[in-house]
N, C-alpha and C. Protein backbone atom coordinates (compact mmCIF):
# COMPACT_ATOMS: atom_id res chain seq x y z
N MET A 1 88.71 76.12 18.66
CA MET A 1 90.13 75.93 18.82
C MET A 1 90.29 75.13 17.56
N SER A 2 91.89 75.38 17.37
CA SER A 2 92.06 74.50 15.84
C SER A 2 92.99 73.26 16.33
N GLU A 3 92.89 72.70 14.92
CA GLU A 3 93.16 71.06 14.74
C GLU A 3 95.08 70.47 14.96
N ALA A 4 94.82 69.58 15.63
CA ALA A 4 95.80 69.48 15.89
C ALA A 4 96.85 69.11 14.33
N PRO A 5 98.20 69.15 14.28
CA PRO A 5 99.05 69.17 13.29
C PRO A 5 99.11 67.92 12.97
N ALA A 6 99.26 67.54 11.85
CA ALA A 6 99.24 66.66 10.96
C ALA A 6 100.95 66.12 11.39
N PRO A 7 100.72 64.72 12.00
CA PRO A 7 102.20 64.25 12.43
C PRO A 7 103.22 63.66 11.42
N LYS A 8 104.30 64.31 11.53
CA LYS A 8 105.46 64.41 10.82
C LYS A 8 106.31 63.72 9.91
N LYS A 9 107.08 63.17 9.22
CA LYS A 9 107.38 62.01 8.61
C LYS A 9 109.05 62.17 8.49
N PHE A 10 109.81 61.43 9.59
CA PHE A 10 111.30 61.91 9.83
C PHE A 10 112.07 61.50 8.93
N GLY A 11 111.91 60.39 8.08
CA GLY A 11 112.74 60.13 6.85
C GLY A 11 111.65 59.00 5.70
N LYS A 12 112.82 59.22 4.60
CA LYS A 12 112.00 58.52 3.48
C LYS A 12 112.09 57.26 3.92
N PRO A 13 111.44 56.33 3.10
CA PRO A 13 111.84 55.17 3.26
C PRO A 13 113.59 54.35 1.75
N THR A 14 114.11 53.55 2.13
CA THR A 14 115.35 53.18 1.68
C THR A 14 114.41 52.23 0.95
N PRO A 15 114.93 53.42 -0.63
CA PRO A 15 114.95 52.21 -2.07
C PRO A 15 115.11 50.92 -2.19
N GLN A 16 113.99 49.82 -2.31
CA GLN A 16 115.00 48.48 -2.82
C GLN A 16 114.83 48.63 -4.53
N PRO A 17 115.96 47.97 -4.89
CA PRO A 17 115.73 47.18 -6.37
C PRO A 17 114.98 47.01 -6.82
N PRO A 18 114.29 46.87 -7.28
CA PRO A 18 113.47 45.69 -8.38
C PRO A 18 113.78 44.00 -8.20
N THR A 19 113.39 43.16 -8.01
CA THR A 19 113.90 41.94 -8.34
C THR A 19 114.57 41.64 -9.23
N GLY A 20 114.15 41.96 -10.75
CA GLY A 20 113.96 41.33 -11.63
C GLY A 20 115.67 41.75 -12.04
N ALA A 21 115.94 43.17 -11.23
CA ALA A 21 117.41 43.58 -11.83
C ALA A 21 118.74 43.10 -11.38
N LEU A 22 118.54 42.13 -10.47
CA LEU A 22 119.64 41.85 -9.16
C LEU A 22 120.21 40.17 -10.31
N ASP A 23 121.13 40.58 -10.41
CA ASP A 23 122.31 39.74 -10.49
C ASP A 23 122.68 38.35 -9.75
N LEU A 24 121.66 37.39 -9.89
CA LEU A 24 122.09 35.70 -9.10
C LEU A 24 123.27 34.77 -9.35
N SER A 25 123.87 35.68 -10.71
CA SER A 25 124.79 34.11 -11.95
C SER A 25 126.02 34.25 -10.09
N ASP A 26 126.52 34.98 -9.16
CA ASP A 26 127.38 34.95 -8.40
C ASP A 26 127.44 33.43 -7.23
N ILE A 27 125.90 33.66 -7.02
CA ILE A 27 125.37 32.69 -5.80
C ILE A 27 125.56 31.42 -6.13
N LYS A 28 125.88 30.80 -5.48
CA LYS A 28 125.84 29.39 -5.64
C LYS A 28 125.25 28.56 -4.48
N ALA A 29 124.14 27.33 -5.93
CA ALA A 29 123.30 26.48 -5.47
C ALA A 29 123.68 25.76 -4.19
N VAL A 30 122.72 25.67 -3.43
CA VAL A 30 122.18 25.38 -1.90
C VAL A 30 122.06 24.09 -2.44
N PRO A 31 123.15 22.90 -2.04
CA PRO A 31 122.58 21.23 -2.45
C PRO A 31 121.73 21.06 -1.30
N SER A 32 120.24 20.51 -1.95
CA SER A 32 119.35 19.77 -0.94
C SER A 32 119.65 18.93 0.10
N SER A 33 119.30 18.26 1.14
CA SER A 33 119.75 17.43 1.80
C SER A 33 118.81 17.13 2.30
N PRO A 34 118.05 15.69 2.64
CA PRO A 34 117.38 15.71 3.31
C PRO A 34 116.91 16.26 4.76
N PRO A 35 116.17 16.61 5.40
CA PRO A 35 115.88 17.32 6.40
C PRO A 35 116.21 16.36 8.12
N GLY A 36 117.18 17.03 8.50
CA GLY A 36 117.40 16.14 10.20
C GLY A 36 119.03 15.11 9.36
N ALA A 37 119.28 15.37 8.25
CA ALA A 37 120.40 14.55 7.59
C ALA A 37 121.49 15.22 8.39
N PRO A 38 122.70 14.20 8.96
CA PRO A 38 123.67 15.17 9.64
C PRO A 38 124.87 15.88 8.73
N LEU A 39 125.27 17.33 9.46
CA LEU A 39 126.24 17.68 8.61
C LEU A 39 127.37 16.83 8.63
N ALA A 40 128.12 17.23 7.67
CA ALA A 40 129.53 16.63 7.17
C ALA A 40 130.13 17.71 7.74
N LEU A 41 131.06 17.17 8.57
CA LEU A 41 132.65 18.04 9.23
C LEU A 41 133.58 17.43 8.68
N PRO A 42 134.44 18.67 8.73
CA PRO A 42 135.35 18.67 7.63
C PRO A 42 136.32 17.55 8.96
N ASP A 43 137.76 17.17 7.53
CA ASP A 43 138.60 15.25 8.43
C ASP A 43 139.62 15.75 9.76
N ASP A 44 140.00 17.66 9.98
CA ASP A 44 140.37 18.10 11.16
C ASP A 44 139.86 18.41 12.32
N TYR A 45 138.54 18.08 12.26
CA TYR A 45 137.77 18.14 13.10
C TYR A 45 137.93 17.35 15.17
N GLN A 46 137.54 18.66 15.56
CA GLN A 46 137.92 17.78 17.02
C GLN A 46 136.98 17.87 17.76
N GLY A 47 136.37 17.13 18.33
CA GLY A 47 135.28 17.21 19.44
C GLY A 47 135.72 18.03 20.85
N ALA A 48 135.23 18.52 21.42
CA ALA A 48 135.37 19.31 22.20
C ALA A 48 135.82 18.01 23.49
N SER A 49 136.97 18.03 24.45
CA SER A 49 136.85 17.56 25.61
C SER A 49 135.42 17.09 26.69
N PRO A 50 135.69 16.50 27.18
CA PRO A 50 134.75 16.11 28.16
C PRO A 50 134.78 17.19 28.96
N PRO A 51 133.60 17.65 29.93
CA PRO A 51 133.81 18.82 30.60
C PRO A 51 134.20 17.91 32.13
N ARG A 52 135.07 18.43 32.60
CA ARG A 52 135.38 18.09 34.55
C ARG A 52 134.01 17.66 35.21
N ARG A 53 133.80 16.58 35.42
CA ARG A 53 132.70 16.63 36.70
C ARG A 53 133.39 16.42 38.20
N ARG A 54 132.44 17.20 38.92
CA ARG A 54 132.38 17.30 40.35
C ARG A 54 131.65 15.59 40.68
N ARG A 55 132.50 14.98 41.88
CA ARG A 55 132.58 13.90 42.46
C ARG A 55 131.90 13.50 43.63
N ALA A 56 131.53 12.51 44.41
CA ALA A 56 130.98 13.28 45.61
C ALA A 56 132.58 12.85 46.21
N ARG A 57 132.71 13.60 47.63
CA ARG A 57 133.69 13.16 48.49
C ARG A 57 134.00 12.30 49.25
N GLU A 58 134.30 11.37 50.14
CA GLU A 58 134.53 10.21 50.97
C GLU A 58 134.33 11.21 52.27
N THR A 59 135.17 12.25 52.08
CA THR A 59 134.82 13.27 53.58
C THR A 59 134.25 14.20 53.06
N LYS A 60 134.62 15.35 54.36
CA LYS A 60 133.85 16.22 54.33
C LYS A 60 135.30 17.12 53.55
N SER A 61 134.92 18.22 52.98
CA SER A 61 136.01 19.09 52.56
C SER A 61 136.18 20.89 53.30
N ARG A 62 136.95 21.37 52.62
CA ARG A 62 137.61 22.86 52.87
C ARG A 62 137.79 22.96 52.54
N PRO A 63 137.63 24.89 52.17
CA PRO A 63 137.88 25.77 50.76
C PRO A 63 138.90 25.64 50.93
N LEU A 64 139.77 26.50 49.54
CA LEU A 64 141.01 27.06 49.60
C LEU A 64 141.21 28.01 48.98
N THR A 65 141.31 29.33 49.02
CA THR A 65 141.39 30.07 47.88
C THR A 65 142.45 30.86 48.41
N MET A 66 143.03 31.32 46.98
CA MET A 66 144.53 31.44 46.91
C MET A 66 144.80 32.40 45.61
N ARG A 67 145.76 33.36 45.95
CA ARG A 67 146.58 34.33 44.78
C ARG A 67 147.35 33.53 43.97
N ILE A 68 147.01 33.24 42.94
CA ILE A 68 148.24 33.05 42.27
C ILE A 68 148.25 33.99 40.79
N THR A 69 149.57 34.14 40.03
CA THR A 69 149.96 34.46 38.40
C THR A 69 149.22 33.98 37.44
N PRO A 70 148.61 35.28 36.24
CA PRO A 70 147.90 34.40 35.52
C PRO A 70 148.42 33.40 34.77
N SER A 71 149.91 33.45 34.89
CA SER A 71 150.90 32.40 34.14
C SER A 71 150.31 31.14 34.92
N THR A 72 150.69 31.28 35.93
CA THR A 72 150.97 29.85 37.11
C THR A 72 148.95 29.42 36.86
N PHE A 73 148.29 30.06 37.05
CA PHE A 73 146.76 29.87 36.85
C PHE A 73 147.13 29.16 34.78
N GLU A 74 147.00 29.63 34.15
CA GLU A 74 146.77 28.91 32.99
C GLU A 74 147.57 27.83 32.84
N ARG A 75 149.01 27.76 33.25
CA ARG A 75 149.55 26.19 33.47
C ARG A 75 149.00 25.15 34.05
N PHE A 76 148.24 25.80 35.45
CA PHE A 76 147.62 24.51 36.37
C PHE A 76 146.62 24.04 35.35
N ASN A 77 145.38 24.97 34.97
CA ASN A 77 143.81 24.89 34.04
C ASN A 77 144.47 23.64 33.31
N ASP A 78 145.90 24.23 32.30
CA ASP A 78 145.88 23.22 30.69
C ASP A 78 146.29 21.98 31.84
N PHE A 79 146.82 21.86 33.02
CA PHE A 79 147.34 20.37 33.17
C PHE A 79 146.02 19.87 33.66
N CYS A 80 145.27 20.79 34.46
CA CYS A 80 144.04 19.75 34.40
C CYS A 80 143.00 18.87 33.29
N ASP A 81 143.00 20.37 32.11
CA ASP A 81 142.72 20.12 30.92
C ASP A 81 142.98 18.78 30.32
N ARG A 82 144.33 18.72 30.31
CA ARG A 82 145.20 17.67 29.79
C ARG A 82 144.71 16.03 30.28
N GLU A 83 145.07 16.09 31.75
CA GLU A 83 144.48 15.51 32.55
C GLU A 83 143.20 14.87 33.08
N ALA A 84 142.20 15.41 32.50
CA ALA A 84 140.72 15.01 32.74
C ALA A 84 140.32 15.62 34.11
N LEU A 85 141.29 16.10 34.80
CA LEU A 85 141.04 16.04 36.61
C LEU A 85 139.96 17.43 37.01
N SER A 86 139.60 17.28 38.18
CA SER A 86 139.30 18.53 38.51
C SER A 86 140.27 19.34 39.35
N TYR A 87 140.12 20.65 39.94
CA TYR A 87 140.98 21.02 40.57
C TYR A 87 141.63 20.56 41.84
N SER A 88 140.49 19.93 42.46
CA SER A 88 141.14 19.42 43.97
C SER A 88 141.87 18.08 43.55
N ASP A 89 141.59 17.33 42.32
CA ASP A 89 142.25 16.09 42.45
C ASP A 89 143.49 16.58 41.40
N ALA A 90 143.68 17.44 40.82
CA ALA A 90 145.07 17.59 39.99
C ALA A 90 146.07 18.39 41.54
N LEU A 91 145.23 18.91 42.67
CA LEU A 91 146.50 18.94 43.49
C LEU A 91 146.69 18.07 44.23
N VAL A 92 145.94 17.11 44.37
CA VAL A 92 146.19 15.96 45.24
C VAL A 92 147.54 15.28 44.20
N ARG A 93 147.21 15.71 43.20
CA ARG A 93 148.46 14.74 42.08
C ARG A 93 149.59 15.47 42.03
N LEU A 94 149.40 16.69 42.35
CA LEU A 94 150.41 17.42 42.23
C LEU A 94 151.14 16.81 43.60
N LEU A 95 150.76 16.93 44.92
CA LEU A 95 151.06 16.84 46.26
C LEU A 95 151.60 15.77 45.96
N ASP A 96 151.06 14.68 45.66
CA ASP A 96 151.59 13.18 45.53
C ASP A 96 153.06 13.24 44.72
N ALA A 97 153.01 13.88 43.80
CA ALA A 97 154.77 13.75 43.27
C ALA A 97 155.47 14.57 43.83
N ALA A 98 155.25 15.35 44.33
CA ALA A 98 156.29 16.11 45.08
C ALA A 98 157.21 15.45 46.13
N ASP A 99 155.91 14.47 47.17
CA ASP A 99 156.27 13.69 48.22
C ASP A 99 157.25 13.04 47.73
N THR A 100 156.68 12.28 46.52
CA THR A 100 157.48 10.91 46.01
C THR A 100 158.91 12.00 45.59
N ALA A 101 159.07 12.91 44.70
CA ALA A 101 160.38 13.48 44.57
C ALA A 101 161.24 14.27 45.10
N ARG A 102 160.95 13.79 46.90
CA ARG A 102 161.15 15.03 47.97
C ARG A 102 161.90 13.31 48.38
N ASP A 103 161.72 12.29 48.98
CA ASP A 103 161.81 11.14 49.37
C ASP A 103 162.84 10.62 48.62
């Protein structure tokens, strides 16, 4: 029996330039800061708004599912974010506003 052929080499390794030939003059030096030091944030940085929280309901709730247009959903979602309300609290507020406008 003959011996198995040697494994084939599929490609040549990518040649790396010698480290002495690299021009590092365009790279800025990184300032050293103590470990754990806070990062400096830009002046116009705005933190994220706090997330809407679920709250314990005093009564039993019922599910509500409806299909609305994407633009209506965006308006409702923006309203909830702006007022920091959950969806159910925002719906209650809008219904109360509709009742007072009707009276």
